[in-house]
Amino acid sequence: MLACRGLVKHYATDKGTVEAVRGIDLDVPMGGYAAIIGRSGSGKSSLMAMIGGLSRPTAGQVRIDGADLWALREPEAATFRNRRIGYVFQFASLLPNLRAVDNVALPARLAGRLGHREAADVAAERLADVGLTDHFDAFPAELSSGEQRRVVIARALMNEPALLLADEPTSDLDEQTEREVMALLRAVSRDRRTTLVLVTHNLALAAEAEQIVHIANGVIVP
């Protein structure tokens, strides 16, 4: 389902070129759960950004559900990212002036795929899926950190993506909330057959994945 071939990412800096990713091949099957681990600066976030369509590779290819992501032109690429990829980042990144249900509905509204009422109905279903039935009308400031993260997961699932990317989604949460959020992500992957790729420093979390990808100095190591 996810197939990366020869991915390379270079950054130009005042001190010269930084080779963040150096020729990575990676395959994750449909419905699979892969954890990418490595020290800070190892290249794992650069790899995730290329997989998610957020940072163009210096070289290489990313195929998601058969589509060559970086061969798409805008706005086709933007539409593909919106509809086929869900993102859960390290911080909640919710719009503070929107209610939970409106934050969740946003991807569908931006895509022009659903009208206001239909998008709100689907967003309410997604919030119910993550256990927030009683928080549809809550603003982000009225939610706990764990509840905010659940809203982000619901938003990531709004367009029923084929691929769910989670970049350090629990690093700022307490241990109990971390377990709850990871259990929810795993359940989503299993029940919806959504491919899940997680970036984490937490080896205990990574150990629960079906596939562990260890990156050091921009390459996959044993």
C-alpha atoms as a PDB file:
ATOM      1  CA  MET A   1       0.000   0.000   0.000  1.00  0.00           C
ATOM      2  CA  LEU A   2       2.869   2.359   0.899  1.00  0.00           C
ATOM      3  CA  ALA A   3       5.963   1.902  -1.234  1.00  0.00           C
ATOM      4  CA  CYS A   4       9.020   4.164  -1.010  1.00  0.00           C
ATOM      5  CA  ARG A   5      11.928   3.716  -3.378  1.00  0.00           C
ATOM      6  CA  GLY A   6      15.334   5.378  -3.185  1.00  0.00           C
ATOM      7  CA  LEU A   7      14.174   8.304  -1.063  1.00  0.00           C
ATOM      8  CA  VAL A   8      16.799  10.997  -0.623  1.00  0.00           C
ATOM      9  CA  LYS A   9      16.475  14.357   1.123  1.00  0.00           C
ATOM     10  CA  HIS A  10      19.199  17.027   1.143  1.00  0.00           C
ATOM     11  CA  TYR A  11      19.021  20.420   2.832  1.00  0.00           C
ATOM     12  CA  ALA A  12      21.228  23.376   1.932  1.00  0.00           C
ATOM     13  CA  THR A  13      22.619  25.186   4.991  1.00  0.00           C
ATOM     14  CA  ASP A  14      25.205  27.880   5.653  1.00  0.00           C
ATOM     15  CA  LYS A  15      27.628  25.089   6.564  1.00  0.00           C
ATOM     16  CA  GLY A  16      26.960  23.072   3.446  1.00  0.00           C
ATOM     17  CA  THR A  17      24.573  20.322   2.357  1.00  0.00           C
ATOM     18  CA  VAL A  18      22.934  18.149   4.998  1.00  0.00           C
ATOM     19  CA  GLU A  19      22.050  14.629   3.815  1.00  0.00           C
ATOM     20  CA  ALA A  20      19.030  13.953   6.035  1.00  0.00           C
ATOM     21  CA  VAL A  21      17.800  10.851   4.190  1.00  0.00           C
ATOM     22  CA  ARG A  22      20.109   8.749   2.058  1.00  0.00           C
ATOM     23  CA  GLY A  23      18.362   6.228  -0.175  1.00  0.00           C
ATOM     24  CA  ILE A  24      15.559   4.635   1.838  1.00  0.00           C
ATOM     25  CA  ASP A  25      13.297   1.855   0.551  1.00  0.00           C
ATOM     26  CA  LEU A  26      10.204   1.100   2.639  1.00  0.00           C
ATOM     27  CA  ASP A  27       7.059  -0.992   2.163  1.00  0.00           C
ATOM     28  CA  VAL A  28       4.048  -1.060   4.502  1.00  0.00           C
ATOM     29  CA  PRO A  29       1.046  -3.222   3.518  1.00  0.00           C
ATOM     30  CA  MET A  30      -2.586  -2.144   3.569  1.00  0.00           C
ATOM     31  CA  GLY A  31      -3.819  -2.064   7.150  1.00  0.00           C
ATOM     32  CA  GLY A  32      -0.269  -2.464   8.448  1.00  0.00           C
ATOM     33  CA  TYR A  33       1.231  -0.693  11.447  1.00  0.00           C
ATOM     34  CA  ALA A  34       4.836   0.503  11.154  1.00  0.00           C
ATOM     35  CA  ALA A  35       6.825   2.417  13.757  1.00  0.00           C
ATOM     36  CA  ILE A  36       9.777   4.559  12.670  1.00  0.00           C
ATOM     37  CA  ILE A  37      12.334   5.035  15.437  1.00  0.00           C
ATOM     38  CA  GLY A  38      15.672   6.780  15.734  1.00  0.00           C
ATOM     39  CA  ARG A  39      17.553   9.488  17.590  1.00  0.00           C
ATOM     40  CA  SER A  40      16.902  13.176  16.990  1.00  0.00           C
ATOM     41  CA  GLY A  41      18.470  14.167  13.684  1.00  0.00           C
ATOM     42  CA  SER A  42      18.400  10.610  12.343  1.00  0.00           C
ATOM     43  CA  GLY A  43      16.152  11.546   9.411  1.00  0.00           C
ATOM     44  CA  LYS A  44      12.870  10.001  10.556  1.00  0.00           C
ATOM     45  CA  SER A  45      10.834  13.231  10.480  1.00  0.00           C
ATOM     46  CA  SER A  46      12.269  14.100   7.055  1.00  0.00           C
ATOM     47  CA  LEU A  47      11.207  10.664   5.850  1.00  0.00           C
ATOM     48  CA  MET A  48       7.712  11.155   7.283  1.00  0.00           C
ATOM     49  CA  ALA A  49       7.392  14.560   5.604  1.00  0.00           C
ATOM     50  CA  MET A  50       8.217  13.053   2.214  1.00  0.00           C
ATOM     51  CA  ILE A  51       5.761  10.189   2.728  1.00  0.00           C
ATOM     52  CA  GLY A  52       3.065  12.671   3.709  1.00  0.00           C
ATOM     53  CA  GLY A  53       3.557  14.927   0.722  1.00  0.00           C
ATOM     54  CA  LEU A  54       4.809  17.819   2.843  1.00  0.00           C
ATOM     55  CA  SER A  55       8.447  17.934   1.692  1.00  0.00           C
ATOM     56  CA  ARG A  56       9.565  17.081  -1.839  1.00  0.00           C
ATOM     57  CA  PRO A  57      12.288  14.417  -2.050  1.00  0.00           C
ATOM     58  CA  THR A  58      15.625  15.318  -3.544  1.00  0.00           C
ATOM     59  CA  ALA A  59      15.328  11.959  -5.284  1.00  0.00           C
ATOM     60  CA  GLY A  60      13.141   8.884  -5.089  1.00  0.00           C
ATOM     61  CA  GLN A  61       9.501   7.894  -5.252  1.00  0.00           C
ATOM     62  CA  VAL A  62       6.560   7.558  -2.871  1.00  0.00           C
ATOM     63  CA  ARG A  63       3.594   5.427  -3.951  1.00  0.00           C
ATOM     64  CA  ILE A  64       0.408   5.419  -1.879  1.00  0.00           C
ATOM     65  CA  ASP A  65      -2.395   3.114  -2.936  1.00  0.00           C
ATOM     66  CA  GLY A  66      -0.746   2.870  -6.346  1.00  0.00           C
ATOM     67  CA  ALA A  67      -0.476   6.626  -6.909  1.00  0.00           C
ATOM     68  CA  ASP A  68       2.948   8.212  -7.464  1.00  0.00           C
ATOM     69  CA  LEU A  69       2.583  11.040  -4.937  1.00  0.00           C
ATOM     70  CA  TRP A  70       5.368  13.305  -6.137  1.00  0.00           C
ATOM     71  CA  ALA A  71       4.462  12.910  -9.819  1.00  0.00           C
ATOM     72  CA  LEU A  72       1.119  14.633  -9.166  1.00  0.00           C
ATOM     73  CA  ARG A  73       0.733  18.303 -10.033  1.00  0.00           C
ATOM     74  CA  GLU A  74      -0.998  20.845  -7.867  1.00  0.00           C
ATOM     75  CA  PRO A  75      -3.913  20.984  -7.186  1.00  0.00           C
ATOM     76  CA  GLU A  76      -4.145  17.217  -7.750  1.00  0.00           C
ATOM     77  CA  ALA A  77      -1.490  16.640  -5.098  1.00  0.00           C
ATOM     78  CA  ALA A  78      -3.338  18.787  -2.568  1.00  0.00           C
ATOM     79  CA  THR A  79      -6.565  16.918  -3.254  1.00  0.00           C
ATOM     80  CA  PHE A  80      -4.794  13.584  -2.881  1.00  0.00           C
ATOM     81  CA  ARG A  81      -3.233  14.591   0.455  1.00  0.00           C
ATOM     82  CA  ASN A  82      -6.563  15.834   1.746  1.00  0.00           C
ATOM     83  CA  ARG A  83      -8.522  12.732   0.791  1.00  0.00           C
ATOM     84  CA  ARG A  84      -6.031   9.884   1.115  1.00  0.00           C
ATOM     85  CA  ILE A  85      -3.677  10.899   3.946  1.00  0.00           C
ATOM     86  CA  GLY A  86      -4.569  11.670   7.567  1.00  0.00           C
ATOM     87  CA  TYR A  87      -2.111  13.521   9.814  1.00  0.00           C
ATOM     88  CA  VAL A  88      -1.706  13.419  13.590  1.00  0.00           C
ATOM     89  CA  PHE A  89       1.123  15.719  14.636  1.00  0.00           C
ATOM     90  CA  GLN A  90       2.999  16.144  17.910  1.00  0.00           C
ATOM     91  CA  PHE A  91       0.824  19.052  19.002  1.00  0.00           C
ATOM     92  CA  ALA A  92      -2.928  19.265  18.694  1.00  0.00           C
ATOM     93  CA  SER A  93      -2.914  22.064  16.039  1.00  0.00           C
ATOM     94  CA  LEU A  94      -6.631  22.742  16.388  1.00  0.00           C
ATOM     95  CA  LEU A  95      -8.110  26.094  15.373  1.00  0.00           C
ATOM     96  CA  PRO A  96      -8.982  27.743  18.694  1.00  0.00           C
ATOM     97  CA  ASN A  97     -12.009  29.640  17.407  1.00  0.00           C
ATOM     98  CA  LEU A  98     -13.747  26.543  16.040  1.00  0.00           C
ATOM     99  CA  ARG A  99     -15.767  23.995  17.969  1.00  0.00           C
ATOM    100  CA  ALA A 100     -14.580  20.394  18.005  1.00  0.00           C
ATOM    101  CA  VAL A 101     -17.146  19.369  15.388  1.00  0.00           C
ATOM    102  CA  ASP A 102     -16.082  22.227  13.093  1.00  0.00           C
ATOM    103  CA  ASN A 103     -12.388  21.403  13.490  1.00  0.00           C
ATOM    104  CA  VAL A 104     -13.120  17.806  12.511  1.00  0.00           C
ATOM    105  CA  ALA A 105     -15.296  18.787   9.542  1.00  0.00           C
ATOM    106  CA  LEU A 106     -12.640  21.127   8.129  1.00  0.00           C
ATOM    107  CA  PRO A 107     -10.886  18.655   5.742  1.00  0.00           C
ATOM    108  CA  ALA A 108     -14.174  17.787   4.045  1.00  0.00           C
ATOM    109  CA  ARG A 109     -15.197  21.433   3.807  1.00  0.00           C
ATOM    110  CA  LEU A 110     -11.836  22.435   2.317  1.00  0.00           C
ATOM    111  CA  ALA A 111     -12.139  19.676  -0.254  1.00  0.00           C
ATOM    112  CA  GLY A 112     -15.621  20.872  -1.189  1.00  0.00           C
ATOM    113  CA  ARG A 113     -16.704  17.264  -0.879  1.00  0.00           C
ATOM    114  CA  LEU A 114     -19.594  17.785   1.553  1.00  0.00           C
ATOM    115  CA  GLY A 115     -22.024  20.574   2.336  1.00  0.00           C
ATOM    116  CA  HIS A 116     -22.033  22.231   5.748  1.00  0.00           C
ATOM    117  CA  ARG A 117     -24.775  20.069   7.284  1.00  0.00           C
ATOM    118  CA  GLU A 118     -23.514  16.778   5.838  1.00  0.00           C
ATOM    119  CA  ALA A 119     -19.923  17.542   6.911  1.00  0.00           C
ATOM    120  CA  ALA A 120     -21.127  18.330  10.433  1.00  0.00           C
ATOM    121  CA  ASP A 121     -23.045  15.048  10.582  1.00  0.00           C
ATOM    122  CA  VAL A 122     -20.012  13.025   9.486  1.00  0.00           C
ATOM    123  CA  ALA A 123     -17.758  14.971  11.888  1.00  0.00           C
ATOM    124  CA  ALA A 124     -20.151  14.133  14.731  1.00  0.00           C
ATOM    125  CA  GLU A 125     -19.825  10.447  13.819  1.00  0.00           C
ATOM    126  CA  ARG A 126     -16.028  10.701  13.851  1.00  0.00           C
ATOM    127  CA  LEU A 127     -16.092  12.359  17.286  1.00  0.00           C
ATOM    128  CA  ALA A 128     -18.325   9.563  18.534  1.00  0.00           C
ATOM    129  CA  ASP A 129     -15.832   7.048  17.134  1.00  0.00           C
ATOM    130  CA  VAL A 130     -13.104   8.517  19.364  1.00  0.00           C
ATOM    131  CA  GLY A 131     -15.278   8.687  22.473  1.00  0.00           C
ATOM    132  CA  LEU A 132     -16.180  12.382  22.431  1.00  0.00           C
ATOM    133  CA  THR A 133     -19.931  12.182  21.991  1.00  0.00           C
ATOM    134  CA  ASP A 134     -20.505  14.827  24.673  1.00  0.00           C
ATOM    135  CA  HIS A 135     -17.913  17.305  23.377  1.00  0.00           C
ATOM    136  CA  PHE A 136     -19.179  18.253  19.903  1.00  0.00           C
ATOM    137  CA  ASP A 137     -19.650  21.905  20.837  1.00  0.00           C
ATOM    138  CA  ALA A 138     -16.505  22.292  22.962  1.00  0.00           C
ATOM    139  CA  PHE A 139     -13.754  24.677  21.926  1.00  0.00           C
ATOM    140  CA  PRO A 140     -10.139  23.443  22.139  1.00  0.00           C
ATOM    141  CA  ALA A 141      -9.430  25.478  25.299  1.00  0.00           C
ATOM    142  CA  GLU A 142     -12.270  23.611  27.018  1.00  0.00           C
ATOM    143  CA  LEU A 143     -10.722  20.196  26.310  1.00  0.00           C
ATOM    144  CA  SER A 144      -7.918  18.313  28.049  1.00  0.00           C
ATOM    145  CA  SER A 145      -4.733  17.478  26.142  1.00  0.00           C
ATOM    146  CA  GLY A 146      -5.923  13.921  25.616  1.00  0.00           C
ATOM    147  CA  GLU A 147      -9.325  15.087  24.388  1.00  0.00           C
ATOM    148  CA  GLN A 148      -7.674  17.529  21.997  1.00  0.00           C
ATOM    149  CA  ARG A 149      -5.590  14.681  20.583  1.00  0.00           C
ATOM    150  CA  ARG A 150      -8.749  12.634  20.080  1.00  0.00           C
ATOM    151  CA  VAL A 151     -10.255  15.520  18.126  1.00  0.00           C
ATOM    152  CA  VAL A 152      -7.128  15.561  15.936  1.00  0.00           C
ATOM    153  CA  ILE A 153      -7.505  11.834  15.284  1.00  0.00           C
ATOM    154  CA  ALA A 154     -11.171  12.323  14.397  1.00  0.00           C
ATOM    155  CA  ARG A 155     -10.171  15.128  12.009  1.00  0.00           C
ATOM    156  CA  ALA A 156      -7.500  12.928  10.428  1.00  0.00           C
ATOM    157  CA  LEU A 157     -10.156  10.290   9.749  1.00  0.00           C
ATOM    158  CA  MET A 158     -12.734  12.716   8.347  1.00  0.00           C
ATOM    159  CA  ASN A 159     -12.091  11.801   4.693  1.00  0.00           C
ATOM    160  CA  GLU A 160     -11.483   8.083   5.395  1.00  0.00           C
ATOM    161  CA  PRO A 161      -7.793   8.153   4.419  1.00  0.00           C
ATOM    162  CA  ALA A 162      -5.897   5.128   3.212  1.00  0.00           C
ATOM    163  CA  LEU A 163      -2.810   6.209   5.177  1.00  0.00           C
ATOM    164  CA  LEU A 164      -2.621   7.666   8.690  1.00  0.00           C
ATOM    165  CA  LEU A 165       0.653   9.354   9.684  1.00  0.00           C
ATOM    166  CA  ALA A 166       1.347  10.030  13.371  1.00  0.00           C
ATOM    167  CA  ASP A 167       4.496  12.032  14.190  1.00  0.00           C
ATOM    168  CA  GLU A 168       5.267  11.832  17.938  1.00  0.00           C
ATOM    169  CA  PRO A 169       1.519  12.024  18.725  1.00  0.00           C
ATOM    170  CA  THR A 170       1.884  11.363  22.465  1.00  0.00           C
ATOM    171  CA  SER A 171       5.156  13.057  23.442  1.00  0.00           C
ATOM    172  CA  ASP A 172       3.446  15.779  25.503  1.00  0.00           C
ATOM    173  CA  LEU A 173       0.868  13.517  27.181  1.00  0.00           C
ATOM    174  CA  ASP A 174       0.909  11.747  30.535  1.00  0.00           C
ATOM    175  CA  GLU A 175       1.434   7.992  30.586  1.00  0.00           C
ATOM    176  CA  GLN A 176      -2.230   7.028  30.984  1.00  0.00           C
ATOM    177  CA  THR A 177      -3.406   9.376  28.225  1.00  0.00           C
ATOM    178  CA  GLU A 178      -0.572   8.152  26.021  1.00  0.00           C
ATOM    179  CA  ARG A 179      -1.814   4.568  26.376  1.00  0.00           C
ATOM    180  CA  GLU A 180      -5.372   5.620  25.582  1.00  0.00           C
ATOM    181  CA  VAL A 181      -4.384   7.581  22.473  1.00  0.00           C
ATOM    182  CA  MET A 182      -2.169   4.785  21.145  1.00  0.00           C
ATOM    183  CA  ALA A 183      -4.882   2.191  21.778  1.00  0.00           C
ATOM    184  CA  LEU A 184      -7.259   4.388  19.794  1.00  0.00           C
ATOM    185  CA  LEU A 185      -4.840   4.768  16.882  1.00  0.00           C
ATOM    186  CA  ARG A 186      -4.246   1.030  16.806  1.00  0.00           C
ATOM    187  CA  ALA A 187      -7.975   0.299  16.902  1.00  0.00           C
ATOM    188  CA  VAL A 188      -8.547   2.706  14.026  1.00  0.00           C
ATOM    189  CA  SER A 189      -5.862   1.006  11.954  1.00  0.00           C
ATOM    190  CA  ARG A 190      -7.242  -2.445  12.687  1.00  0.00           C
ATOM    191  CA  ASP A 191     -10.957  -1.748  12.332  1.00  0.00           C
ATOM    192  CA  ARG A 192     -10.774   0.496   9.252  1.00  0.00           C
ATOM    193  CA  ARG A 193      -7.867  -1.292   7.543  1.00  0.00           C
ATOM    194  CA  THR A 194      -6.068   2.058   7.539  1.00  0.00           C
ATOM    195  CA  THR A 195      -2.295   1.863   7.164  1.00  0.00           C
ATOM    196  CA  LEU A 196      -0.651   3.466  10.203  1.00  0.00           C
ATOM    197  CA  VAL A 197       2.884   4.864  10.248  1.00  0.00           C
ATOM    198  CA  LEU A 198       4.112   6.185  13.592  1.00  0.00           C
ATOM    199  CA  VAL A 199       7.245   8.192  14.375  1.00  0.00           C
ATOM    200  CA  THR A 200       8.266   7.882  18.015  1.00  0.00           C
ATOM    201  CA  HIS A 201      11.184   8.046  20.425  1.00  0.00           C
ATOM    202  CA  ASN A 202       9.317   5.673  22.750  1.00  0.00           C
ATOM    203  CA  LEU A 203      10.677   2.155  22.284  1.00  0.00           C
ATOM    204  CA  ALA A 204       7.834   0.661  24.328  1.00  0.00           C
ATOM    205  CA  LEU A 205       5.294   2.129  21.911  1.00  0.00           C
ATOM    206  CA  ALA A 206       7.314   1.026  18.903  1.00  0.00           C
ATOM    207  CA  ALA A 207       7.446  -2.533  20.235  1.00  0.00           C
ATOM    208  CA  GLU A 208       3.679  -2.814  19.732  1.00  0.00           C
ATOM    209  CA  ALA A 209       3.982  -2.208  15.985  1.00  0.00           C
ATOM    210  CA  GLU A 210       3.940  -5.005  13.428  1.00  0.00           C
ATOM    211  CA  GLN A 211       6.930  -3.463  11.663  1.00  0.00           C
ATOM    212  CA  ILE A 212       9.762  -1.495  13.280  1.00  0.00           C
ATOM    213  CA  VAL A 213      11.910   0.724  11.063  1.00  0.00           C
ATOM    214  CA  HIS A 214      15.103   1.908  12.779  1.00  0.00           C
ATOM    215  CA  ILE A 215      16.777   4.910  11.125  1.00  0.00           C
ATOM    216  CA  ALA A 216      20.253   6.222  11.842  1.00  0.00           C
ATOM    217  CA  ASN A 217      22.192   8.798   9.813  1.00  0.00           C
ATOM    218  CA  GLY A 218      19.521   8.828   7.139  1.00  0.00           C
ATOM    219  CA  VAL A 219      19.437   5.107   6.405  1.00  0.00           C
ATOM    220  CA  ILE A 220      17.533   2.087   7.699  1.00  0.00           C
ATOM    221  CA  VAL A 221      19.652  -0.034  10.018  1.00  0.00           C
ATOM    222  CA  PRO A 222      19.007  -3.473  11.580  1.00  0.00           C
END
